[in-house]
N, C-alpha and C. Protein backbone atom coordinates (compact mmCIF):
# COMPACT_ATOMS: atom_id res chain seq x y z
N MET A 1 11.91 -13.42 4.31
CA MET A 1 12.81 -12.39 4.90
C MET A 1 12.28 -11.84 6.11
N VAL A 2 10.96 -11.71 6.27
CA VAL A 2 10.29 -11.40 7.45
C VAL A 2 10.66 -12.37 8.48
N LEU A 3 10.57 -13.77 8.33
CA LEU A 3 10.95 -14.82 9.08
C LEU A 3 12.40 -14.60 9.59
N LEU A 4 13.20 -14.24 8.85
CA LEU A 4 14.50 -14.03 9.10
C LEU A 4 14.89 -12.95 10.14
N MET A 5 14.06 -11.86 10.09
CA MET A 5 14.07 -10.70 10.96
C MET A 5 13.84 -11.09 12.19
N TRP A 6 12.83 -12.07 12.26
CA TRP A 6 12.39 -12.34 13.71
C TRP A 6 13.22 -13.43 14.42
N ILE A 7 13.92 -14.20 13.41
CA ILE A 7 14.86 -15.36 13.99
C ILE A 7 15.90 -14.59 14.61
N VAL A 8 16.53 -13.65 13.88
CA VAL A 8 17.77 -12.89 14.49
C VAL A 8 17.36 -11.98 15.70
N PHE A 9 16.23 -11.45 15.70
CA PHE A 9 15.88 -10.76 16.98
C PHE A 9 15.75 -11.53 18.19
N LEU A 10 15.04 -12.99 17.88
CA LEU A 10 14.83 -13.96 18.97
C LEU A 10 16.19 -14.51 19.41
N PHE A 11 17.04 -14.57 18.38
CA PHE A 11 18.23 -15.24 18.74
C PHE A 11 18.91 -14.29 19.72
N GLU A 12 19.12 -12.90 19.47
CA GLU A 12 19.76 -11.96 20.29
C GLU A 12 18.99 -11.96 21.71
N ILE A 13 17.72 -12.13 21.93
CA ILE A 13 17.10 -12.17 23.27
C ILE A 13 17.45 -13.32 23.93
N ASP A 14 17.44 -14.50 23.35
CA ASP A 14 17.42 -15.92 23.98
C ASP A 14 18.90 -16.04 24.28
N TYR A 15 19.81 -15.62 23.53
CA TYR A 15 21.36 -15.93 23.74
C TYR A 15 22.27 -14.64 24.22
N GLY A 16 21.39 -13.46 24.62
CA GLY A 16 22.10 -12.52 25.01
C GLY A 16 22.97 -11.76 24.13
N TYR A 17 22.92 -11.98 22.79
CA TYR A 17 23.82 -11.35 21.93
C TYR A 17 23.36 -9.99 21.51
N ASN A 18 24.24 -9.22 21.08
CA ASN A 18 24.05 -7.91 20.42
C ASN A 18 24.82 -7.96 19.15
N LEU A 19 23.95 -7.78 18.20
CA LEU A 19 24.35 -7.99 16.87
C LEU A 19 24.49 -6.44 16.10
N ASN A 20 24.47 -5.44 16.89
CA ASN A 20 24.53 -4.14 16.18
C ASN A 20 25.70 -3.77 15.61
N ARG A 21 26.90 -4.46 15.96
CA ARG A 21 28.25 -4.29 15.40
C ARG A 21 28.08 -5.00 13.83
N TYR A 22 26.99 -5.66 13.50
CA TYR A 22 26.99 -6.15 12.06
C TYR A 22 26.20 -5.02 11.24
N GLY A 23 25.95 -3.97 11.76
CA GLY A 23 25.04 -2.93 11.22
C GLY A 23 26.12 -2.11 10.15
N ILE A 24 25.54 -1.19 9.52
CA ILE A 24 26.32 -0.23 8.55
C ILE A 24 26.91 0.59 9.47
N LEU A 25 28.20 0.68 9.28
CA LEU A 25 29.15 1.75 9.96
C LEU A 25 29.59 2.48 9.02
N PRO A 26 29.22 3.82 8.69
CA PRO A 26 29.48 4.59 7.57
C PRO A 26 31.19 4.77 7.57
N ARG A 27 31.73 4.73 6.27
CA ARG A 27 33.12 5.05 5.74
C ARG A 27 34.02 4.27 6.47
N ASN A 28 33.54 3.06 6.82
CA ASN A 28 34.52 2.19 7.60
C ASN A 28 34.31 0.74 6.68
N LEU A 29 35.47 0.34 6.40
CA LEU A 29 35.47 -0.78 5.42
C LEU A 29 34.64 -2.05 6.05
N SER A 30 35.05 -2.40 7.39
CA SER A 30 34.27 -3.27 7.97
C SER A 30 32.86 -3.18 8.06
N GLY A 31 32.39 -1.78 8.14
CA GLY A 31 30.94 -1.56 8.08
C GLY A 31 30.35 -1.76 6.73
N LEU A 32 31.02 -2.07 5.89
CA LEU A 32 30.20 -2.55 4.40
C LEU A 32 29.48 -3.73 4.74
N GLN A 33 29.73 -4.55 5.66
CA GLN A 33 29.17 -5.98 5.76
C GLN A 33 27.66 -5.40 6.19
N GLY A 34 27.49 -4.46 6.85
CA GLY A 34 25.84 -3.98 7.21
C GLY A 34 25.05 -3.76 6.11
N VAL A 35 25.45 -3.55 4.78
CA VAL A 35 24.81 -3.35 3.73
C VAL A 35 23.71 -4.63 3.57
N LEU A 36 24.41 -5.86 3.79
CA LEU A 36 23.78 -7.11 3.73
C LEU A 36 22.99 -7.54 5.03
N PHE A 37 23.71 -7.28 6.26
CA PHE A 37 23.26 -7.72 7.35
C PHE A 37 22.23 -6.69 8.29
N ALA A 38 22.46 -5.36 8.23
CA ALA A 38 21.84 -4.57 8.79
C ALA A 38 20.03 -4.42 8.70
N PRO A 39 19.59 -4.88 7.51
CA PRO A 39 18.04 -4.91 7.44
C PRO A 39 17.57 -5.93 8.45
N PHE A 40 18.33 -6.84 8.76
CA PHE A 40 17.80 -8.05 9.43
C PHE A 40 17.99 -7.93 11.03
N ILE A 41 18.76 -6.81 11.38
CA ILE A 41 18.86 -6.56 12.81
C ILE A 41 18.02 -5.27 13.39
N HIS A 42 17.39 -5.58 14.47
CA HIS A 42 16.53 -4.38 15.02
C HIS A 42 16.90 -4.05 16.54
N GLY A 43 16.64 -2.97 16.86
CA GLY A 43 17.02 -2.39 18.32
C GLY A 43 16.12 -2.96 19.43
N ASP A 44 14.70 -3.22 19.03
CA ASP A 44 13.87 -3.51 20.09
C ASP A 44 12.55 -3.99 19.42
N PHE A 45 11.70 -4.47 20.29
CA PHE A 45 10.47 -5.21 19.69
C PHE A 45 9.45 -4.14 19.07
N GLU A 46 9.43 -2.91 19.35
CA GLU A 46 8.57 -1.96 18.68
C GLU A 46 9.31 -1.59 17.20
N HIS A 47 10.56 -1.55 17.27
CA HIS A 47 11.19 -1.35 16.00
C HIS A 47 10.82 -2.63 15.12
N LEU A 48 10.91 -3.65 15.42
CA LEU A 48 10.81 -4.94 14.74
C LEU A 48 9.32 -5.07 14.14
N THR A 49 8.33 -4.95 15.03
CA THR A 49 7.01 -5.03 14.57
C THR A 49 6.57 -3.88 13.61
N ASN A 50 7.02 -2.71 13.97
CA ASN A 50 6.87 -1.69 12.87
C ASN A 50 7.14 -1.94 11.45
N ASN A 51 8.43 -2.49 11.45
CA ASN A 51 9.17 -2.66 10.03
C ASN A 51 8.63 -3.90 9.50
N THR A 52 8.15 -4.80 10.40
CA THR A 52 7.50 -6.16 9.80
C THR A 52 6.28 -5.68 9.05
N ILE A 53 5.36 -5.06 9.75
CA ILE A 53 4.00 -4.77 8.93
C ILE A 53 4.24 -3.95 7.67
N SER A 54 5.02 -2.99 7.69
CA SER A 54 5.34 -2.09 6.53
C SER A 54 6.05 -2.87 5.42
N PHE A 55 7.06 -3.54 5.82
CA PHE A 55 7.82 -4.28 4.93
C PHE A 55 6.97 -5.41 4.18
N PHE A 56 6.06 -6.05 4.94
CA PHE A 56 5.24 -7.09 4.51
C PHE A 56 4.45 -6.68 3.54
N VAL A 57 3.74 -5.58 3.79
CA VAL A 57 2.67 -4.82 2.92
C VAL A 57 3.20 -4.45 1.53
N LEU A 58 4.48 -3.70 1.76
CA LEU A 58 4.98 -3.23 0.52
C LEU A 58 5.69 -4.08 -0.52
N THR A 59 6.24 -5.09 0.21
CA THR A 59 6.98 -6.12 -0.74
C THR A 59 5.81 -7.07 -1.48
N LEU A 60 4.74 -7.26 -0.80
CA LEU A 60 3.79 -7.95 -1.53
C LEU A 60 3.11 -6.92 -2.67
N THR A 61 3.20 -5.72 -2.35
CA THR A 61 2.66 -4.77 -3.37
C THR A 61 3.53 -4.82 -4.44
N LEU A 62 4.73 -4.76 -4.15
CA LEU A 62 5.68 -4.65 -5.33
C LEU A 62 5.71 -6.13 -6.12
N ARG A 63 5.58 -7.18 -5.54
CA ARG A 63 5.50 -8.54 -6.10
C ARG A 63 4.25 -8.51 -7.12
N TYR A 64 3.05 -8.10 -6.39
CA TYR A 64 1.93 -8.03 -7.34
C TYR A 64 1.99 -7.18 -8.60
N PHE A 65 2.35 -5.83 -8.33
CA PHE A 65 2.33 -4.92 -9.58
C PHE A 65 3.56 -5.06 -10.56
N TYR A 66 4.58 -5.76 -9.96
CA TYR A 66 5.73 -5.83 -10.77
C TYR A 66 6.22 -7.16 -10.68
N PRO A 67 5.54 -8.12 -11.20
CA PRO A 67 6.04 -9.71 -11.08
C PRO A 67 7.23 -9.88 -11.82
N LYS A 68 7.60 -9.37 -12.89
CA LYS A 68 8.78 -9.56 -13.65
C LYS A 68 10.00 -9.08 -13.10
N ASN A 69 10.06 -7.72 -12.40
CA ASN A 69 11.33 -7.14 -12.10
C ASN A 69 11.31 -7.21 -10.55
N TYR A 70 10.43 -7.62 -9.73
CA TYR A 70 10.24 -7.29 -8.48
C TYR A 70 11.47 -7.56 -7.59
N MET A 71 12.08 -8.91 -7.78
CA MET A 71 13.18 -9.05 -7.08
C MET A 71 14.38 -8.38 -7.54
N ARG A 72 14.74 -8.10 -8.79
CA ARG A 72 15.71 -7.24 -9.16
C ARG A 72 15.48 -5.79 -8.60
N ILE A 73 14.32 -5.18 -8.58
CA ILE A 73 13.88 -3.98 -7.97
C ILE A 73 14.39 -3.80 -6.50
N PHE A 74 14.01 -4.98 -5.76
CA PHE A 74 14.29 -5.00 -4.28
C PHE A 74 15.67 -5.14 -4.09
N MET A 75 16.36 -6.07 -4.58
CA MET A 75 17.84 -6.24 -4.34
C MET A 75 18.78 -5.11 -4.82
N VAL A 76 18.35 -4.43 -5.95
CA VAL A 76 19.19 -3.14 -6.25
C VAL A 76 18.98 -2.25 -5.43
N GLY A 77 17.67 -1.95 -5.00
CA GLY A 77 17.24 -0.96 -3.81
C GLY A 77 17.95 -1.45 -2.59
N LEU A 78 17.96 -2.46 -2.10
CA LEU A 78 18.55 -2.79 -0.77
C LEU A 78 19.99 -2.53 -0.84
N LEU A 79 20.73 -2.98 -1.95
CA LEU A 79 22.30 -2.79 -1.98
C LEU A 79 22.49 -1.25 -2.15
N VAL A 80 21.76 -0.38 -2.92
CA VAL A 80 22.24 0.76 -3.33
C VAL A 80 21.67 1.64 -1.97
N THR A 81 20.72 1.31 -1.47
CA THR A 81 20.27 2.12 -0.34
C THR A 81 21.43 1.98 0.91
N GLY A 82 21.79 0.79 1.08
CA GLY A 82 22.75 0.50 2.05
C GLY A 82 24.15 1.40 1.76
N LEU A 83 24.55 1.23 0.59
CA LEU A 83 25.85 1.93 0.17
C LEU A 83 25.58 3.46 0.49
N LEU A 84 24.55 4.04 -0.04
CA LEU A 84 24.45 5.30 0.11
C LEU A 84 24.41 5.86 1.68
N THR A 85 23.64 4.87 2.53
CA THR A 85 23.78 5.27 3.84
C THR A 85 25.19 4.93 4.50
N TRP A 86 25.88 4.11 4.06
CA TRP A 86 27.26 4.07 4.39
C TRP A 86 28.20 5.34 3.93
N GLY A 87 27.72 5.93 2.99
CA GLY A 87 28.51 7.16 2.34
C GLY A 87 28.08 8.40 3.25
N ILE A 88 26.81 8.61 3.67
CA ILE A 88 26.24 9.71 4.11
C ILE A 88 26.08 9.81 5.57
N GLY A 89 26.12 8.62 6.13
CA GLY A 89 25.45 8.41 7.54
C GLY A 89 26.54 8.88 8.63
N ARG A 90 26.06 9.08 9.87
CA ARG A 90 26.93 9.54 10.85
C ARG A 90 27.54 8.21 11.18
N VAL A 91 28.83 8.55 11.98
CA VAL A 91 29.50 7.29 12.35
C VAL A 91 29.11 6.89 13.51
N SER A 92 28.14 5.82 13.15
CA SER A 92 27.35 5.04 14.17
C SER A 92 26.69 3.80 13.48
N TYR A 93 26.46 2.70 14.23
CA TYR A 93 25.90 1.58 13.61
C TYR A 93 24.31 1.96 13.14
N HIS A 94 23.99 1.76 11.76
CA HIS A 94 22.69 1.93 11.34
C HIS A 94 22.23 0.49 11.00
N ILE A 95 21.09 0.38 11.79
CA ILE A 95 20.31 -1.28 11.60
C ILE A 95 18.93 -0.91 11.22
N GLY A 96 18.17 -2.26 10.71
CA GLY A 96 16.92 -2.18 10.58
C GLY A 96 16.45 -2.12 9.12
N MET A 97 15.34 -2.57 8.84
CA MET A 97 14.72 -2.54 7.58
C MET A 97 14.14 -1.26 7.01
N SER A 98 14.23 -0.25 7.90
CA SER A 98 13.44 1.00 7.58
C SER A 98 13.98 1.69 6.35
N GLY A 99 15.18 1.54 5.85
CA GLY A 99 15.68 2.11 4.72
C GLY A 99 15.12 1.41 3.42
N GLN A 100 14.87 0.14 3.57
CA GLN A 100 14.33 -0.53 2.44
C GLN A 100 12.85 -0.16 2.50
N ILE A 101 12.18 0.00 3.43
CA ILE A 101 10.72 0.31 3.52
C ILE A 101 10.43 1.66 2.79
N TYR A 102 11.48 2.55 3.19
CA TYR A 102 11.35 3.94 2.55
C TYR A 102 11.59 3.72 0.97
N MET A 103 12.50 3.03 0.70
CA MET A 103 12.84 2.75 -0.89
C MET A 103 11.60 2.16 -1.50
N LEU A 104 10.98 1.24 -0.75
CA LEU A 104 9.70 0.62 -1.52
C LEU A 104 8.69 1.61 -1.76
N ALA A 105 8.13 2.32 -0.52
CA ALA A 105 7.15 3.33 -0.67
C ALA A 105 7.57 4.35 -1.46
N ALA A 106 8.68 4.71 -1.76
CA ALA A 106 9.00 5.84 -2.74
C ALA A 106 8.90 5.12 -4.04
N PHE A 107 9.35 4.21 -4.27
CA PHE A 107 9.22 3.78 -5.54
C PHE A 107 7.71 3.48 -6.18
N ILE A 108 6.94 2.86 -5.33
CA ILE A 108 5.59 2.66 -5.59
C ILE A 108 4.67 3.84 -5.71
N PHE A 109 4.99 4.86 -4.77
CA PHE A 109 4.42 6.13 -5.04
C PHE A 109 4.77 6.76 -6.22
N THR A 110 6.01 6.98 -6.49
CA THR A 110 6.67 7.79 -7.52
C THR A 110 6.08 7.03 -8.90
N LYS A 111 6.03 5.69 -8.92
CA LYS A 111 5.89 5.01 -10.20
C LYS A 111 4.01 5.21 -10.42
N SER A 112 3.38 5.53 -9.42
CA SER A 112 2.13 5.45 -9.75
C SER A 112 1.71 6.80 -10.63
N PHE A 113 2.52 7.61 -10.58
CA PHE A 113 2.18 9.05 -11.36
C PHE A 113 2.74 8.78 -12.64
N PHE A 114 3.67 7.85 -13.07
CA PHE A 114 4.06 7.53 -14.36
C PHE A 114 2.99 6.41 -15.12
N SER A 115 2.09 5.96 -14.40
CA SER A 115 1.28 4.82 -14.88
C SER A 115 -0.17 5.33 -15.07
N LYS A 116 -0.74 4.71 -16.05
CA LYS A 116 -2.17 5.20 -16.11
C LYS A 116 -2.97 4.38 -15.67
N ASN A 117 -2.53 3.51 -14.82
CA ASN A 117 -3.29 2.14 -14.27
C ASN A 117 -4.01 2.84 -12.96
N TYR A 118 -5.33 2.63 -12.92
CA TYR A 118 -5.94 3.19 -11.80
C TYR A 118 -5.57 2.49 -10.43
N ARG A 119 -5.56 1.20 -10.74
CA ARG A 119 -5.20 0.52 -9.24
C ARG A 119 -3.94 1.04 -8.53
N LEU A 120 -2.88 1.34 -9.29
CA LEU A 120 -1.73 1.69 -8.91
C LEU A 120 -1.78 3.23 -8.42
N ILE A 121 -2.56 4.05 -8.99
CA ILE A 121 -2.95 5.39 -8.28
C ILE A 121 -3.42 5.26 -7.22
N ALA A 122 -4.58 4.46 -7.09
CA ALA A 122 -5.36 4.21 -5.90
C ALA A 122 -4.40 3.58 -4.80
N LEU A 123 -3.54 2.85 -4.89
CA LEU A 123 -2.58 2.22 -4.16
C LEU A 123 -1.64 3.35 -3.50
N SER A 124 -1.20 4.30 -4.46
CA SER A 124 -0.29 5.25 -3.91
C SER A 124 -0.97 6.21 -2.99
N LEU A 125 -2.22 6.60 -3.26
CA LEU A 125 -3.09 7.07 -2.16
C LEU A 125 -3.08 6.55 -0.95
N ALA A 126 -3.29 5.31 -1.02
CA ALA A 126 -3.37 4.53 0.32
C ALA A 126 -2.08 4.48 0.98
N ILE A 127 -0.88 4.48 0.12
CA ILE A 127 0.21 4.55 0.77
C ILE A 127 0.51 6.04 1.49
N ILE A 128 0.11 7.16 0.89
CA ILE A 128 0.08 8.29 1.57
C ILE A 128 -0.78 8.46 2.76
N PHE A 129 -1.73 7.81 2.99
CA PHE A 129 -2.70 7.63 3.87
C PHE A 129 -2.03 6.90 5.08
N LEU A 130 -1.55 5.86 4.96
CA LEU A 130 -0.94 4.94 5.73
C LEU A 130 0.46 5.28 6.12
N TYR A 131 1.17 5.83 5.38
CA TYR A 131 2.66 5.94 5.74
C TYR A 131 3.16 7.38 5.49
N GLY A 132 2.21 8.25 5.37
CA GLY A 132 2.41 9.61 5.05
C GLY A 132 3.43 10.45 6.35
N GLY A 133 3.14 9.93 7.45
CA GLY A 133 3.84 10.33 8.47
C GLY A 133 5.20 10.15 8.47
N MET A 134 5.58 9.14 7.48
CA MET A 134 7.02 8.59 7.40
C MET A 134 7.89 9.78 6.79
N ILE A 135 7.48 10.79 6.33
CA ILE A 135 8.28 11.64 5.68
C ILE A 135 8.95 12.67 6.59
N TRP A 136 8.52 12.61 7.85
CA TRP A 136 9.34 13.60 8.75
C TRP A 136 10.48 12.87 9.08
N TYR A 137 10.75 11.58 9.12
CA TYR A 137 11.81 11.03 9.55
C TYR A 137 12.90 10.80 8.57
N ILE A 138 12.78 11.49 7.51
CA ILE A 138 14.02 11.84 6.64
C ILE A 138 14.85 12.97 7.16
N LEU A 139 14.20 13.64 8.33
CA LEU A 139 15.03 14.73 8.95
C LEU A 139 15.55 14.38 10.08
N PRO A 140 16.55 14.78 10.56
CA PRO A 140 17.18 14.71 11.93
C PRO A 140 16.48 15.16 13.22
N ILE A 141 15.30 14.53 13.28
CA ILE A 141 14.43 15.23 14.39
C ILE A 141 14.67 14.18 15.59
N ASP A 142 15.24 13.00 15.48
CA ASP A 142 15.33 12.06 16.74
C ASP A 142 16.73 11.20 16.32
N LYS A 143 17.75 11.63 17.18
CA LYS A 143 19.00 11.03 17.35
C LYS A 143 19.05 9.54 17.30
N ALA A 144 18.15 9.10 17.75
CA ALA A 144 18.01 7.56 17.95
C ALA A 144 17.70 6.91 16.62
N ILE A 145 17.16 7.64 15.48
CA ILE A 145 16.56 7.02 14.34
C ILE A 145 17.79 7.37 13.29
N SER A 146 17.91 6.57 12.51
CA SER A 146 18.84 6.60 11.22
C SER A 146 18.08 7.50 10.29
N TRP A 147 18.04 8.64 10.39
CA TRP A 147 17.27 9.26 9.25
C TRP A 147 18.17 9.28 7.83
N GLU A 148 19.35 9.31 8.10
CA GLU A 148 20.25 8.92 6.69
C GLU A 148 19.67 7.83 5.97
N GLY A 149 19.52 6.71 6.66
CA GLY A 149 19.11 5.56 6.09
C GLY A 149 17.69 5.77 5.34
N HIS A 150 16.90 6.45 6.04
CA HIS A 150 15.61 6.72 5.53
C HIS A 150 15.59 7.73 4.29
N LEU A 151 16.55 8.76 4.59
CA LEU A 151 16.69 9.54 3.20
C LEU A 151 17.31 8.82 2.13
N SER A 152 18.13 8.01 2.37
CA SER A 152 18.72 7.06 1.23
C SER A 152 17.83 6.26 0.68
N GLY A 153 17.00 5.65 1.42
CA GLY A 153 15.80 4.64 0.83
C GLY A 153 14.99 5.68 -0.02
N LEU A 154 14.58 6.82 0.43
CA LEU A 154 13.46 7.46 -0.13
C LEU A 154 14.24 7.89 -1.64
N LEU A 155 15.42 8.49 -1.72
CA LEU A 155 15.94 8.95 -2.83
C LEU A 155 16.43 7.75 -3.91
N ILE A 156 16.75 6.54 -3.44
CA ILE A 156 16.91 5.44 -4.43
C ILE A 156 15.72 5.03 -4.74
N GLY A 157 14.46 5.06 -4.07
CA GLY A 157 13.25 4.58 -4.56
C GLY A 157 12.61 5.41 -5.78
N VAL A 158 12.97 6.88 -5.54
CA VAL A 158 12.55 7.67 -6.52
C VAL A 158 13.41 7.38 -7.90
N LEU A 159 14.67 7.04 -7.49
CA LEU A 159 15.61 6.98 -8.73
C LEU A 159 15.22 5.65 -9.61
N LEU A 160 14.87 4.65 -8.93
CA LEU A 160 14.54 3.50 -9.33
C LEU A 160 13.10 3.49 -10.24
N SER A 161 12.22 4.27 -9.73
CA SER A 161 11.04 4.54 -10.51
C SER A 161 11.28 4.96 -11.87
N PHE A 162 12.34 5.86 -12.04
CA PHE A 162 12.74 6.32 -13.41
C PHE A 162 13.47 5.32 -14.22
N LEU A 163 14.12 4.34 -13.57
CA LEU A 163 14.99 3.40 -14.34
C LEU A 163 14.19 2.27 -14.93
N TYR A 164 12.96 1.90 -14.19
CA TYR A 164 12.29 0.64 -14.56
C TYR A 164 10.89 1.00 -15.12
N GLU A 165 10.69 0.35 -16.32
CA GLU A 165 9.41 0.60 -16.79
C GLU A 165 8.17 0.10 -16.30
N ASN A 166 7.04 0.59 -16.58
CA ASN A 166 5.85 0.07 -16.07
C ASN A 166 5.57 -1.23 -16.55
N GLU A 167 5.02 -2.00 -15.75
CA GLU A 167 4.90 -3.63 -16.12
C GLU A 167 3.36 -3.80 -16.46
N ILE A 168 2.71 -2.77 -15.95
CA ILE A 168 1.09 -2.71 -16.13
C ILE A 168 0.79 -1.74 -16.97
N ASN A 169 0.06 -2.10 -18.18
CA ASN A 169 -0.40 -1.15 -18.90
C ASN A 169 -1.66 -1.43 -19.70
N HIS A 170 -2.38 -0.59 -20.38
CA HIS A 170 -3.50 -0.87 -21.00
C HIS A 170 -3.61 -1.96 -22.19
N LYS A 171 -2.26 -1.87 -22.84
CA LYS A 171 -2.42 -2.88 -23.92
C LYS A 171 -2.30 -4.35 -23.14
N GLU A 172 -1.58 -4.61 -22.18
CA GLU A 172 -1.56 -5.91 -21.53
C GLU A 172 -2.87 -6.31 -20.92
N GLU A 173 -3.63 -5.38 -20.30
CA GLU A 173 -4.97 -5.64 -19.75
C GLU A 173 -5.93 -6.08 -20.88
N LEU A 174 -5.80 -5.44 -22.17
CA LEU A 174 -6.83 -5.54 -23.23
C LEU A 174 -6.50 -7.07 -23.79
N LYS A 175 -5.26 -7.40 -23.79
CA LYS A 175 -4.89 -9.03 -24.21
C LYS A 175 -5.73 -9.97 -23.33
N VAL A 176 -5.82 -9.70 -22.19
CA VAL A 176 -6.37 -10.95 -21.51
C VAL A 176 -7.99 -10.97 -21.61
N MET A 177 -8.57 -9.93 -22.42
CA MET A 177 -10.01 -9.82 -22.63
C MET A 177 -10.26 -11.05 -23.59
N THR A 178 -11.43 -11.86 -23.14
CA THR A 178 -11.75 -13.03 -23.88
C THR A 178 -12.63 -12.52 -25.11
N TYR A 179 -12.83 -13.48 -26.12
CA TYR A 179 -13.72 -12.97 -27.22
C TYR A 179 -15.02 -12.61 -26.78
N ASN A 180 -15.52 -13.39 -25.94
CA ASN A 180 -16.90 -13.21 -25.56
C ASN A 180 -17.18 -11.92 -24.55
N GLN A 181 -16.23 -11.53 -24.10
CA GLN A 181 -16.20 -10.29 -23.21
C GLN A 181 -16.13 -9.09 -24.30
N SER A 182 -15.36 -9.37 -25.28
CA SER A 182 -15.20 -8.17 -26.06
C SER A 182 -16.63 -8.08 -26.99
N LEU A 183 -17.31 -8.91 -27.23
CA LEU A 183 -18.77 -9.00 -27.94
C LEU A 183 -19.68 -8.33 -26.83
N PHE A 184 -19.51 -8.57 -25.52
CA PHE A 184 -20.39 -7.95 -24.66
C PHE A 184 -20.19 -6.59 -24.56
N LEU A 185 -18.98 -6.14 -24.68
CA LEU A 185 -18.52 -4.53 -24.61
C LEU A 185 -19.12 -3.88 -25.92
N ASP A 186 -19.05 -4.66 -27.01
CA ASP A 186 -19.63 -4.07 -28.25
C ASP A 186 -21.08 -3.87 -28.18
N HIS A 187 -21.82 -4.40 -27.17
CA HIS A 187 -23.31 -4.16 -27.17
C HIS A 187 -23.71 -3.11 -26.32
N PHE A 188 -22.66 -2.07 -26.32
CA PHE A 188 -22.79 -0.81 -25.66
C PHE A 188 -22.46 0.34 -26.76
N ASN A 189 -23.08 1.44 -26.92
CA ASN A 189 -22.86 2.42 -27.75
C ASN A 189 -21.93 3.42 -27.28
N GLU A 190 -21.53 4.40 -28.07
CA GLU A 190 -20.36 5.39 -27.44
C GLU A 190 -20.80 6.18 -26.28
N LYS A 191 -22.15 6.14 -26.04
CA LYS A 191 -22.46 6.82 -24.76
C LYS A 191 -22.66 5.97 -23.55
N GLY A 192 -22.33 4.64 -23.82
CA GLY A 192 -22.39 3.70 -22.76
C GLY A 192 -23.75 3.14 -22.43
N ARG A 193 -24.69 3.34 -23.36
CA ARG A 193 -26.08 2.84 -23.30
C ARG A 193 -26.16 1.50 -23.97
N PHE A 194 -26.96 0.54 -23.23
CA PHE A 194 -26.90 -0.69 -23.85
C PHE A 194 -28.03 -0.81 -25.08
N VAL A 195 -27.62 -1.44 -26.18
CA VAL A 195 -28.47 -1.47 -27.44
C VAL A 195 -28.83 -2.98 -27.34
N ALA A 196 -30.19 -3.06 -27.27
CA ALA A 196 -30.67 -4.38 -27.26
C ALA A 196 -30.54 -5.32 -28.37
N ASN A 197 -30.66 -4.76 -29.55
CA ASN A 197 -30.94 -5.56 -30.78
C ASN A 197 -29.57 -5.55 -31.78
N LEU A 198 -28.40 -5.01 -31.12
CA LEU A 198 -27.29 -4.80 -31.93
C LEU A 198 -26.78 -6.10 -32.48
N PRO A 199 -26.61 -6.35 -33.86
CA PRO A 199 -26.12 -7.75 -34.32
C PRO A 199 -24.68 -7.90 -33.87
N PHE A 200 -24.39 -9.17 -33.59
CA PHE A 200 -22.91 -9.60 -33.41
C PHE A 200 -22.54 -10.43 -34.48
N LEU A 201 -21.23 -10.20 -34.85
CA LEU A 201 -20.33 -10.98 -35.79
C LEU A 201 -19.40 -11.81 -35.12
N ASP A 202 -19.16 -13.10 -35.79
CA ASP A 202 -18.27 -14.09 -34.94
C ASP A 202 -17.04 -13.59 -35.64
N GLU A 203 -15.96 -14.19 -35.22
CA GLU A 203 -14.52 -14.10 -35.62
C GLU A 203 -14.30 -14.13 -37.27
N ASN A 204 -15.34 -14.80 -37.90
CA ASN A 204 -15.18 -14.87 -39.40
C ASN A 204 -16.15 -13.84 -40.05
N GLY A 205 -16.73 -13.04 -39.24
CA GLY A 205 -17.62 -11.86 -39.90
C GLY A 205 -19.04 -12.57 -40.23
N ASN A 206 -19.41 -13.57 -39.57
CA ASN A 206 -20.85 -14.17 -39.63
C ASN A 206 -21.53 -13.63 -38.63
N LEU A 207 -22.91 -13.20 -39.04
CA LEU A 207 -23.95 -12.82 -38.03
C LEU A 207 -24.40 -14.00 -37.31
N ILE A 208 -24.06 -13.71 -35.97
CA ILE A 208 -24.62 -14.93 -35.13
C ILE A 208 -25.74 -14.36 -34.06
N ILE A 209 -26.24 -13.14 -34.09
CA ILE A 209 -27.45 -12.76 -33.43
C ILE A 209 -28.04 -11.69 -34.47
N GLU A 210 -29.13 -11.89 -34.61
CA GLU A 210 -30.06 -11.03 -35.62
C GLU A 210 -30.93 -10.16 -34.79
N GLU A 211 -31.42 -10.95 -33.76
CA GLU A 211 -32.61 -10.43 -33.03
C GLU A 211 -32.76 -11.05 -31.75
N GLU A 212 -33.16 -10.13 -30.76
CA GLU A 212 -33.51 -10.69 -29.53
C GLU A 212 -34.93 -10.51 -29.20
N GLU A 213 -35.63 -11.80 -28.84
CA GLU A 213 -36.90 -11.69 -28.46
C GLU A 213 -37.15 -11.32 -27.02
């Protein structure tokens, strides 16, 4: 998808085309085509590069933490964000992947607070640090920016975080623990101190270590 964004942009430059008319045109039936096309159309090089980095990082994050439903989350988010922009936006062409970026950031950030997984919580803090300034662009502070698309993405991302369950939980993490790893953890008492001569039992209950010399 990142490659397609760049191909479209380079096509416009090389052949002198302006594809903005394929963006989202609110409350116009022909403007509905922009729900699918607008994310791949960008106004200038800075717009494209900014969206490329953010989109790449956030989609990889979604893919890593939600391997079962990442494509469904993304596609539903893309379509509904576009439709909401079509419904509430100014009568102008809305283009770019920004709405989907806000959707992804809002989903991952909000979902982290419903999860007890420390990696996802740490990731949400990183998102705040890296993209915290994005929050101001859901307000009409710049007429050249589709704040309606940003706001739509933010709202849909939060909504999706309630609709999809966490795929990472402590039970799943315990399942991947090997038998030898569990024996190693049993070698520590409730205070976390190592017990040198703690006897080990195998899967059948037989003593396999009586004493360490």
